[in-house]
Amino acid sequence: MSLEGTVQNGVIVLDPGGPPLADGTRVEVAPRTGMEPLVRKTPGVCGGRACVGNRRIAVWMLVEARTAGISDETLLTDYDPPLTRTELDAAWRYAAANPEEVARDIRDNNDAG
């Protein structure tokens, strides 16, 4: 059987019109290319909030640190291993594109403390 699909957000998704799998399962194939998303949400990791790559560094934490006056240069070196400029820039782009979500995450964290 030949499977055909399209790439959506870096993931190959089988086309809906393609042949169904025997058990009706929806399949997503994500080849490891080293270009996985720089910001992702993973259930059970940091409450499912947006994090930088596979790390437990939530975007809202970086935004809150920047708001408190911590420079990008400091943020780049505060973690082990250090954040890359590409990772930090991706976090800023995500925060700019999702301001309500990030503000809610900051509020939720402050309310929990």
C-alpha atoms as a PDB file:
ATOM      1  CA  MET A   1       0.000   0.000   0.000  1.00  0.00           C
ATOM      2  CA  SER A   2       1.290   3.446  -0.892  1.00  0.00           C
ATOM      3  CA  LEU A   3       0.695   6.264   1.595  1.00  0.00           C
ATOM      4  CA  GLU A   4       0.578   9.856   0.402  1.00  0.00           C
ATOM      5  CA  GLY A   5       0.402  12.950   2.512  1.00  0.00           C
ATOM      6  CA  THR A   6       1.195  16.608   2.882  1.00  0.00           C
ATOM      7  CA  VAL A   7       3.493  18.465   5.237  1.00  0.00           C
ATOM      8  CA  GLN A   8       1.675  20.544   7.862  1.00  0.00           C
ATOM      9  CA  ASN A   9       3.760  22.376  10.458  1.00  0.00           C
ATOM     10  CA  GLY A  10       6.684  20.086   9.771  1.00  0.00           C
ATOM     11  CA  VAL A  11       4.612  16.900  10.148  1.00  0.00           C
ATOM     12  CA  ILE A  12       3.612  14.605   7.296  1.00  0.00           C
ATOM     13  CA  VAL A  13      -0.153  14.087   7.550  1.00  0.00           C
ATOM     14  CA  LEU A  14      -1.914  11.490   5.454  1.00  0.00           C
ATOM     15  CA  ASP A  15      -4.305  13.007   2.948  1.00  0.00           C
ATOM     16  CA  PRO A  16      -7.965  12.523   3.926  1.00  0.00           C
ATOM     17  CA  GLY A  17      -8.795  11.160   0.480  1.00  0.00           C
ATOM     18  CA  GLY A  18      -6.087   8.521   0.672  1.00  0.00           C
ATOM     19  CA  PRO A  19      -6.697   4.875   1.493  1.00  0.00           C
ATOM     20  CA  PRO A  20      -7.701   4.342   5.135  1.00  0.00           C
ATOM     21  CA  LEU A  21      -5.590   2.208   7.395  1.00  0.00           C
ATOM     22  CA  ALA A  22      -7.038  -1.161   8.313  1.00  0.00           C
ATOM     23  CA  ASP A  23      -8.100  -0.080  11.819  1.00  0.00           C
ATOM     24  CA  GLY A  24      -9.128   3.476  10.814  1.00  0.00           C
ATOM     25  CA  THR A  25      -6.248   5.058  12.750  1.00  0.00           C
ATOM     26  CA  ARG A  26      -5.129   8.556  11.791  1.00  0.00           C
ATOM     27  CA  VAL A  27      -1.394   8.514  11.185  1.00  0.00           C
ATOM     28  CA  GLU A  28       1.090  11.345  11.442  1.00  0.00           C
ATOM     29  CA  VAL A  29       4.689  10.643  10.539  1.00  0.00           C
ATOM     30  CA  ALA A  30       7.250  13.078  11.891  1.00  0.00           C
ATOM     31  CA  PRO A  31      10.686  12.310  10.512  1.00  0.00           C
ATOM     32  CA  ARG A  32      13.561  13.390  12.744  1.00  0.00           C
ATOM     33  CA  THR A  33      15.267  15.999  10.640  1.00  0.00           C
ATOM     34  CA  GLY A  34      16.715  18.203  13.355  1.00  0.00           C
ATOM     35  CA  MET A  35      14.264  20.903  12.288  1.00  0.00           C
ATOM     36  CA  GLU A  36      11.517  20.039  14.760  1.00  0.00           C
ATOM     37  CA  PRO A  37       9.449  23.014  15.965  1.00  0.00           C
ATOM     38  CA  LEU A  38      11.346  25.432  18.156  1.00  0.00           C
ATOM     39  CA  VAL A  39       8.257  26.127  20.272  1.00  0.00           C
ATOM     40  CA  ARG A  40       5.927  23.282  21.145  1.00  0.00           C
ATOM     41  CA  LYS A  41       3.240  22.244  23.584  1.00  0.00           C
ATOM     42  CA  THR A  42       3.511  18.797  25.118  1.00  0.00           C
ATOM     43  CA  PRO A  43       0.769  17.447  27.387  1.00  0.00           C
ATOM     44  CA  GLY A  44       2.144  16.933  30.880  1.00  0.00           C
ATOM     45  CA  VAL A  45       5.176  19.178  30.343  1.00  0.00           C
ATOM     46  CA  CYS A  46       4.935  22.574  32.064  1.00  0.00           C
ATOM     47  CA  GLY A  47       1.174  22.201  32.202  1.00  0.00           C
ATOM     48  CA  GLY A  48       0.961  21.806  28.428  1.00  0.00           C
ATOM     49  CA  ARG A  49       2.128  25.389  27.973  1.00  0.00           C
ATOM     50  CA  ALA A  50       4.289  26.518  25.048  1.00  0.00           C
ATOM     51  CA  CYS A  51       7.944  25.678  25.706  1.00  0.00           C
ATOM     52  CA  VAL A  52      11.196  26.131  23.846  1.00  0.00           C
ATOM     53  CA  GLY A  53      11.892  22.912  21.939  1.00  0.00           C
ATOM     54  CA  ASN A  54      12.069  19.830  24.149  1.00  0.00           C
ATOM     55  CA  ARG A  55      13.041  21.892  27.185  1.00  0.00           C
ATOM     56  CA  ARG A  56      11.029  22.803  30.239  1.00  0.00           C
ATOM     57  CA  ILE A  57      11.476  26.506  29.545  1.00  0.00           C
ATOM     58  CA  ALA A  58       8.009  27.983  29.065  1.00  0.00           C
ATOM     59  CA  VAL A  59       7.592  30.945  26.745  1.00  0.00           C
ATOM     60  CA  TRP A  60       5.673  32.802  29.458  1.00  0.00           C
ATOM     61  CA  MET A  61       8.691  32.441  31.797  1.00  0.00           C
ATOM     62  CA  LEU A  62      10.945  34.111  29.238  1.00  0.00           C
ATOM     63  CA  VAL A  63       8.414  36.896  28.649  1.00  0.00           C
ATOM     64  CA  GLU A  64       8.069  37.494  32.383  1.00  0.00           C
ATOM     65  CA  ALA A  65      11.858  37.578  32.776  1.00  0.00           C
ATOM     66  CA  ARG A  66      12.187  40.094  29.941  1.00  0.00           C
ATOM     67  CA  THR A  67       9.436  42.225  31.512  1.00  0.00           C
ATOM     68  CA  ALA A  68      11.407  42.180  34.766  1.00  0.00           C
ATOM     69  CA  GLY A  69      14.360  43.667  32.908  1.00  0.00           C
ATOM     70  CA  ILE A  70      16.460  40.583  32.240  1.00  0.00           C
ATOM     71  CA  SER A  71      18.340  41.022  28.969  1.00  0.00           C
ATOM     72  CA  ASP A  72      18.364  38.586  26.070  1.00  0.00           C
ATOM     73  CA  GLU A  73      22.092  38.109  26.615  1.00  0.00           C
ATOM     74  CA  THR A  74      21.461  36.973  30.184  1.00  0.00           C
ATOM     75  CA  LEU A  75      18.583  34.702  29.137  1.00  0.00           C
ATOM     76  CA  LEU A  76      20.814  33.090  26.528  1.00  0.00           C
ATOM     77  CA  THR A  77      23.301  32.006  29.211  1.00  0.00           C
ATOM     78  CA  ASP A  78      21.019  31.366  32.216  1.00  0.00           C
ATOM     79  CA  TYR A  79      20.073  27.833  31.168  1.00  0.00           C
ATOM     80  CA  ASP A  80      22.063  24.627  30.909  1.00  0.00           C
ATOM     81  CA  PRO A  81      22.566  23.984  28.113  1.00  0.00           C
ATOM     82  CA  PRO A  82      22.355  27.633  27.050  1.00  0.00           C
ATOM     83  CA  LEU A  83      19.519  28.783  24.823  1.00  0.00           C
ATOM     84  CA  THR A  84      20.469  29.545  21.260  1.00  0.00           C
ATOM     85  CA  ARG A  85      19.616  32.854  19.642  1.00  0.00           C
ATOM     86  CA  THR A  86      17.320  30.936  17.265  1.00  0.00           C
ATOM     87  CA  GLU A  87      15.417  29.381  20.187  1.00  0.00           C
ATOM     88  CA  LEU A  88      15.029  32.685  22.001  1.00  0.00           C
ATOM     89  CA  ASP A  89      13.913  34.477  18.832  1.00  0.00           C
ATOM     90  CA  ALA A  90      11.345  31.724  18.240  1.00  0.00           C
ATOM     91  CA  ALA A  91       9.996  32.279  21.772  1.00  0.00           C
ATOM     92  CA  TRP A  92       9.660  36.029  21.117  1.00  0.00           C
ATOM     93  CA  ARG A  93       7.868  35.369  17.816  1.00  0.00           C
ATOM     94  CA  TYR A  94       5.510  32.942  19.539  1.00  0.00           C
ATOM     95  CA  ALA A  95       4.784  35.446  22.325  1.00  0.00           C
ATOM     96  CA  ALA A  96       4.103  38.214  19.790  1.00  0.00           C
ATOM     97  CA  ALA A  97       1.739  35.962  17.833  1.00  0.00           C
ATOM     98  CA  ASN A  98      -0.075  34.693  20.966  1.00  0.00           C
ATOM     99  CA  PRO A  99      -0.202  37.586  23.457  1.00  0.00           C
ATOM    100  CA  GLU A 100      -3.476  36.558  25.117  1.00  0.00           C
ATOM    101  CA  GLU A 101      -2.239  33.009  25.712  1.00  0.00           C
ATOM    102  CA  VAL A 102       1.062  34.187  27.197  1.00  0.00           C
ATOM    103  CA  ALA A 103      -0.682  36.770  29.408  1.00  0.00           C
ATOM    104  CA  ARG A 104      -3.087  34.051  30.637  1.00  0.00           C
ATOM    105  CA  ASP A 105      -0.175  31.708  31.395  1.00  0.00           C
ATOM    106  CA  ILE A 106       1.559  34.445  33.410  1.00  0.00           C
ATOM    107  CA  ARG A 107      -1.684  35.212  35.304  1.00  0.00           C
ATOM    108  CA  ASP A 108      -2.286  31.496  35.987  1.00  0.00           C
ATOM    109  CA  ASN A 109       1.238  31.105  37.340  1.00  0.00           C
ATOM    110  CA  ASN A 110       0.981  34.181  39.552  1.00  0.00           C
ATOM    111  CA  ASP A 111      -2.423  33.078  40.866  1.00  0.00           C
ATOM    112  CA  ALA A 112      -1.031  29.626  41.705  1.00  0.00           C
ATOM    113  CA  GLY A 113       1.814  31.092  43.771  1.00  0.00           C
END
